[in-house]
PDB file of N, CA and C in Angstrom:
ATOM      1  N   MET A   1      -1.988  -8.675   4.185  1.00  0.00           N
ATOM      2  CA  MET A   1      -2.480  -7.329   4.344  1.00  0.00           C
ATOM      3  C   MET A   1      -2.254  -6.928   5.786  1.00  0.00           C
ATOM      4  N   GLN A   2      -1.715  -5.725   5.971  1.00  0.00           N
ATOM      5  CA  GLN A   2      -1.511  -5.202   7.319  1.00  0.00           C
ATOM      6  C   GLN A   2      -1.825  -3.715   7.305  1.00  0.00           C
ATOM      7  N   ARG A   3      -2.529  -3.255   8.316  1.00  0.00           N
ATOM      8  CA  ARG A   3      -2.857  -1.835   8.448  1.00  0.00           C
ATOM      9  C   ARG A   3      -2.316  -1.336   9.778  1.00  0.00           C
ATOM     10  N   THR A   4      -1.654  -0.175   9.729  1.00  0.00           N
ATOM     11  CA  THR A   4      -1.096   0.438  10.930  1.00  0.00           C
ATOM     12  C   THR A   4      -1.539   1.885  10.991  1.00  0.00           C
ATOM     13  N   VAL A   5      -2.029   2.307  12.147  1.00  0.00           N
ATOM     14  CA  VAL A   5      -2.426   3.693  12.363  1.00  0.00           C
ATOM     15  C   VAL A   5      -1.394   4.317  13.296  1.00  0.00           C
ATOM     16  N   PHE A   6      -0.897   5.487  12.903  1.00  0.00           N
ATOM     17  CA  PHE A   6       0.070   6.179  13.732  1.00  0.00           C
ATOM     18  C   PHE A   6      -0.207   7.672  13.659  1.00  0.00           C
ATOM     19  N   GLY A   7      -0.284   8.327  14.788  1.00  0.00           N
ATOM     20  CA  GLY A   7      -0.549   9.765  14.800  1.00  0.00           C
ATOM     21  C   GLY A   7      -1.750  10.106  13.946  1.00  0.00           C
ATOM     22  N   ASP A   8      -1.525  10.903  12.921  1.00  0.00           N
ATOM     23  CA  ASP A   8      -2.595  11.320  12.011  1.00  0.00           C
ATOM     24  C   ASP A   8      -2.554  10.576  10.684  1.00  0.00           C
ATOM     25  N   GLY A   9      -1.908   9.433  10.634  1.00  0.00           N
ATOM     26  CA  GLY A   9      -1.778   8.724   9.359  1.00  0.00           C
ATOM     27  C   GLY A   9      -2.111   7.254   9.463  1.00  0.00           C
ATOM     28  N   THR A  10      -2.319   6.645   8.296  1.00  0.00           N
ATOM     29  CA  THR A  10      -2.606   5.222   8.197  1.00  0.00           C
ATOM     30  C   THR A  10      -1.781   4.631   7.062  1.00  0.00           C
ATOM     31  N   LEU A  11      -1.169   3.486   7.302  1.00  0.00           N
ATOM     32  CA  LEU A  11      -0.468   2.731   6.265  1.00  0.00           C
ATOM     33  C   LEU A  11      -1.169   1.399   6.100  1.00  0.00           C
ATOM     34  N   THR A  12      -1.450   1.034   4.863  1.00  0.00           N
ATOM     35  CA  THR A  12      -2.006  -0.278   4.554  1.00  0.00           C
ATOM     36  C   THR A  12      -1.047  -0.933   3.571  1.00  0.00           C
ATOM     37  N   ALA A  13      -0.496  -2.081   3.926  1.00  0.00           N
ATOM     38  CA  ALA A  13       0.498  -2.755   3.097  1.00  0.00           C
ATOM     39  C   ALA A  13       0.007  -4.137   2.699  1.00  0.00           C
ATOM     40  N   ASN A  14       0.215  -4.479   1.441  1.00  0.00           N
ATOM     41  CA  ASN A  14      -0.093  -5.809   0.935  1.00  0.00           C
ATOM     42  C   ASN A  14       1.239  -6.506   0.679  1.00  0.00           C
ATOM     43  N   PHE A  15       1.631  -7.403   1.574  1.00  0.00           N
ATOM     44  CA  PHE A  15       2.900  -8.097   1.448  1.00  0.00           C
ATOM     45  C   PHE A  15       2.812  -9.307   0.525  1.00  0.00           C
ATOM     46  N   GLY A  16       1.628  -9.610   0.034  1.00  0.00           N
ATOM     47  CA  GLY A  16       1.448 -10.738  -0.873  1.00  0.00           C
ATOM     48  C   GLY A  16       1.800 -10.374  -2.305  1.00  0.00           C
ATOM     49  N   SER A  17       1.608 -11.308  -3.204  1.00  0.00           N
ATOM     50  CA  SER A  17       1.912 -11.077  -4.621  1.00  0.00           C
ATOM     51  C   SER A  17       0.648 -10.893  -5.456  1.00  0.00           C
ATOM     52  N   THR A  18      -0.528 -11.023  -4.820  1.00  0.00           N
ATOM     53  CA  THR A  18      -1.787 -10.840  -5.540  1.00  0.00           C
ATOM     54  C   THR A  18      -2.579  -9.697  -4.913  1.00  0.00           C
ATOM     55  N   PRO A  19      -3.439  -9.041  -5.683  1.00  0.00           N
ATOM     56  CA  PRO A  19      -4.231  -7.931  -5.135  1.00  0.00           C
ATOM     57  C   PRO A  19      -5.141  -8.381  -3.992  1.00  0.00           C
ATOM     58  N   HIS A  20      -5.375  -7.461  -3.063  1.00  0.00           N
ATOM     59  CA  HIS A  20      -6.297  -7.715  -1.949  1.00  0.00           C
ATOM     60  C   HIS A  20      -7.097  -6.448  -1.703  1.00  0.00           C
ATOM     61  N   LYS A  21      -8.412  -6.527  -1.875  1.00  0.00           N
ATOM     62  CA  LYS A  21      -9.304  -5.374  -1.685  1.00  0.00           C
ATOM     63  C   LYS A  21      -8.837  -4.155  -2.466  1.00  0.00           C
ATOM     64  N   GLY A  22      -8.389  -4.399  -3.706  1.00  0.00           N
ATOM     65  CA  GLY A  22      -8.003  -3.305  -4.586  1.00  0.00           C
ATOM     66  C   GLY A  22      -6.567  -2.835  -4.470  1.00  0.00           C
ATOM     67  N   LEU A  23      -5.824  -3.343  -3.483  1.00  0.00           N
ATOM     68  CA  LEU A  23      -4.424  -2.955  -3.315  1.00  0.00           C
ATOM     69  C   LEU A  23      -3.540  -4.020  -3.956  1.00  0.00           C
ATOM     70  N   PRO A  24      -2.778  -3.653  -4.997  1.00  0.00           N
ATOM     71  CA  PRO A  24      -1.931  -4.637  -5.674  1.00  0.00           C
ATOM     72  C   PRO A  24      -0.891  -5.245  -4.726  1.00  0.00           C
ATOM     73  N   GLY A  25      -0.478  -6.457  -5.041  1.00  0.00           N
ATOM     74  CA  GLY A  25       0.551  -7.113  -4.253  1.00  0.00           C
ATOM     75  C   GLY A  25       1.833  -6.303  -4.223  1.00  0.00           C
ATOM     76  N   GLY A  26       2.467  -6.246  -3.056  1.00  0.00           N
ATOM     77  CA  GLY A  26       3.726  -5.534  -2.904  1.00  0.00           C
ATOM     78  C   GLY A  26       3.591  -4.032  -2.741  1.00  0.00           C
ATOM     79  N   CYS A  27       2.374  -3.517  -2.687  1.00  0.00           N
ATOM     80  CA  CYS A  27       2.145  -2.072  -2.623  1.00  0.00           C
ATOM     81  C   CYS A  27       1.709  -1.623  -1.230  1.00  0.00           C
ATOM     82  N   VAL A  28       1.854  -0.315  -1.004  1.00  0.00           N
ATOM     83  CA  VAL A  28       1.456   0.313   0.248  1.00  0.00           C
ATOM     84  C   VAL A  28       0.594   1.524  -0.069  1.00  0.00           C
ATOM     85  N   ASP A  29      -0.506   1.700   0.638  1.00  0.00           N
ATOM     86  CA  ASP A  29      -1.300   2.922   0.590  1.00  0.00           C
ATOM     87  C   ASP A  29      -1.037   3.693   1.876  1.00  0.00           C
ATOM     88  N   ALA A  30      -0.637   4.952   1.738  1.00  0.00           N
ATOM     89  CA  ALA A  30      -0.374   5.813   2.893  1.00  0.00           C
ATOM     90  C   ALA A  30      -1.341   6.981   2.851  1.00  0.00           C
ATOM     91  N   THR A  31      -2.020   7.233   3.957  1.00  0.00           N
ATOM     92  CA  THR A  31      -2.918   8.378   4.074  1.00  0.00           C
ATOM     93  C   THR A  31      -2.421   9.243   5.221  1.00  0.00           C
ATOM     94  N   LEU A  32      -2.098  10.476   4.919  1.00  0.00           N
ATOM     95  CA  LEU A  32      -1.604  11.408   5.917  1.00  0.00           C
ATOM     96  C   LEU A  32      -2.698  12.384   6.305  1.00  0.00           C
ATOM     97  N   ARG A  33      -2.460  13.178   7.307  1.00  0.00           N
ATOM     98  CA  ARG A  33      -3.459  14.056   7.916  1.00  0.00           C
ATOM     99  C   ARG A  33      -4.330  14.811   6.912  1.00  0.00           C
ATOM    100  N   ASP A  34      -3.756  15.518   5.984  1.00  0.00           N
ATOM    101  CA  ASP A  34      -4.529  16.367   5.078  1.00  0.00           C
ATOM    102  C   ASP A  34      -4.843  15.724   3.730  1.00  0.00           C
ATOM    103  N   ASP A  35      -4.543  14.441   3.565  1.00  0.00           N
ATOM    104  CA  ASP A  35      -4.811  13.761   2.297  1.00  0.00           C
ATOM    105  C   ASP A  35      -6.299  13.510   2.109  1.00  0.00           C
ATOM    106  N   THR A  36      -6.749  13.698   0.877  1.00  0.00           N
ATOM    107  CA  THR A  36      -8.140  13.370   0.547  1.00  0.00           C
ATOM    108  C   THR A  36      -8.241  11.974  -0.056  1.00  0.00           C
ATOM    109  N   ALA A  37      -7.092  11.415  -0.448  1.00  0.00           N
ATOM    110  CA  ALA A  37      -7.029  10.065  -1.007  1.00  0.00           C
ATOM    111  C   ALA A  37      -5.683   9.462  -0.624  1.00  0.00           C
ATOM    112  N   PRO A  38      -5.597   8.140  -0.548  1.00  0.00           N
ATOM    113  CA  PRO A  38      -4.326   7.495  -0.206  1.00  0.00           C
ATOM    114  C   PRO A  38      -3.258   7.747  -1.269  1.00  0.00           C
ATOM    115  N   ARG A  39      -2.011   7.754  -0.827  1.00  0.00           N
ATOM    116  CA  ARG A  39      -0.863   7.813  -1.732  1.00  0.00           C
ATOM    117  C   ARG A  39      -0.386   6.380  -1.914  1.00  0.00           C
ATOM    118  N   ARG A  40      -0.383   5.900  -3.133  1.00  0.00           N
ATOM    119  CA  ARG A  40      -0.004   4.513  -3.405  1.00  0.00           C
ATOM    120  C   ARG A  40       1.472   4.440  -3.778  1.00  0.00           C
ATOM    121  N   LEU A  41       2.176   3.545  -3.098  1.00  0.00           N
ATOM    122  CA  LEU A  41       3.587   3.304  -3.364  1.00  0.00           C
ATOM    123  C   LEU A  41       3.754   1.849  -3.759  1.00  0.00           C
ATOM    124  N   CYS A  42       4.316   1.630  -4.951  1.00  0.00           N
ATOM    125  CA  CYS A  42       4.520   0.273  -5.436  1.00  0.00           C
ATOM    126  C   CYS A  42       5.954   0.140  -5.959  1.00  0.00           C
ATOM    127  N   PRO A  43       6.576  -1.018  -5.749  1.00  0.00           N
ATOM    128  CA  PRO A  43       7.912  -1.231  -6.296  1.00  0.00           C
ATOM    129  C   PRO A  43       7.861  -1.378  -7.811  1.00  0.00           C
ATOM    130  N   ALA A  44       8.997  -1.173  -8.450  1.00  0.00           N
ATOM    131  CA  ALA A  44       9.066  -1.336  -9.900  1.00  0.00           C
ATOM    132  C   ALA A  44       8.830  -2.793 -10.289  1.00  0.00           C
ATOM    133  N   THR A  45       9.241  -3.725  -9.401  1.00  0.00           N
ATOM    134  CA  THR A  45       9.014  -5.142  -9.655  1.00  0.00           C
ATOM    135  C   THR A  45       8.498  -5.800  -8.394  1.00  0.00           C
ATOM    136  N   VAL A  46       7.717  -6.852  -8.570  1.00  0.00           N
ATOM    137  CA  VAL A  46       7.227  -7.670  -7.454  1.00  0.00           C
ATOM    138  C   VAL A  46       7.620  -9.096  -7.749  1.00  0.00           C
ATOM    139  N   ASN A  47       8.380  -9.689  -6.860  1.00  0.00           N
ATOM    140  CA  ASN A  47       8.835 -11.087  -7.027  1.00  0.00           C
ATOM    141  C   ASN A  47       9.494 -11.319  -8.380  1.00  0.00           C
ATOM    142  N   GLY A  48      10.285 -10.335  -8.835  1.00  0.00           N
ATOM    143  CA  GLY A  48      11.049 -10.503 -10.065  1.00  0.00           C
ATOM    144  C   GLY A  48      10.259 -10.266 -11.343  1.00  0.00           C
ATOM    145  N   THR A  49       9.015  -9.822 -11.249  1.00  0.00           N
ATOM    146  CA  THR A  49       8.235  -9.548 -12.463  1.00  0.00           C
ATOM    147  C   THR A  49       7.846  -8.079 -12.475  1.00  0.00           C
ATOM    148  N   ALA A  50       7.837  -7.488 -13.649  1.00  0.00           N
ATOM    149  CA  ALA A  50       7.440  -6.083 -13.776  1.00  0.00           C
ATOM    150  C   ALA A  50       5.965  -5.966 -13.439  1.00  0.00           C
ATOM    151  N   GLY A  51       5.603  -4.859 -12.776  1.00  0.00           N
ATOM    152  CA  GLY A  51       4.207  -4.730 -12.423  1.00  0.00           C
ATOM    153  C   GLY A  51       3.815  -3.412 -11.979  1.00  0.00           C
TER     154      GLY A  51
END
């Protein structure tokens, strides 16, 4: 898990293959200035498995 704050936004990335604090493995939550909730970005596959 890694969190980065830049300007008016925050990125939280889970580089693992298992969920951590509600964020699935391989996914990123991005929150921008006017967002009321994070935008979740997940790959079509994680470590070769659909997910």
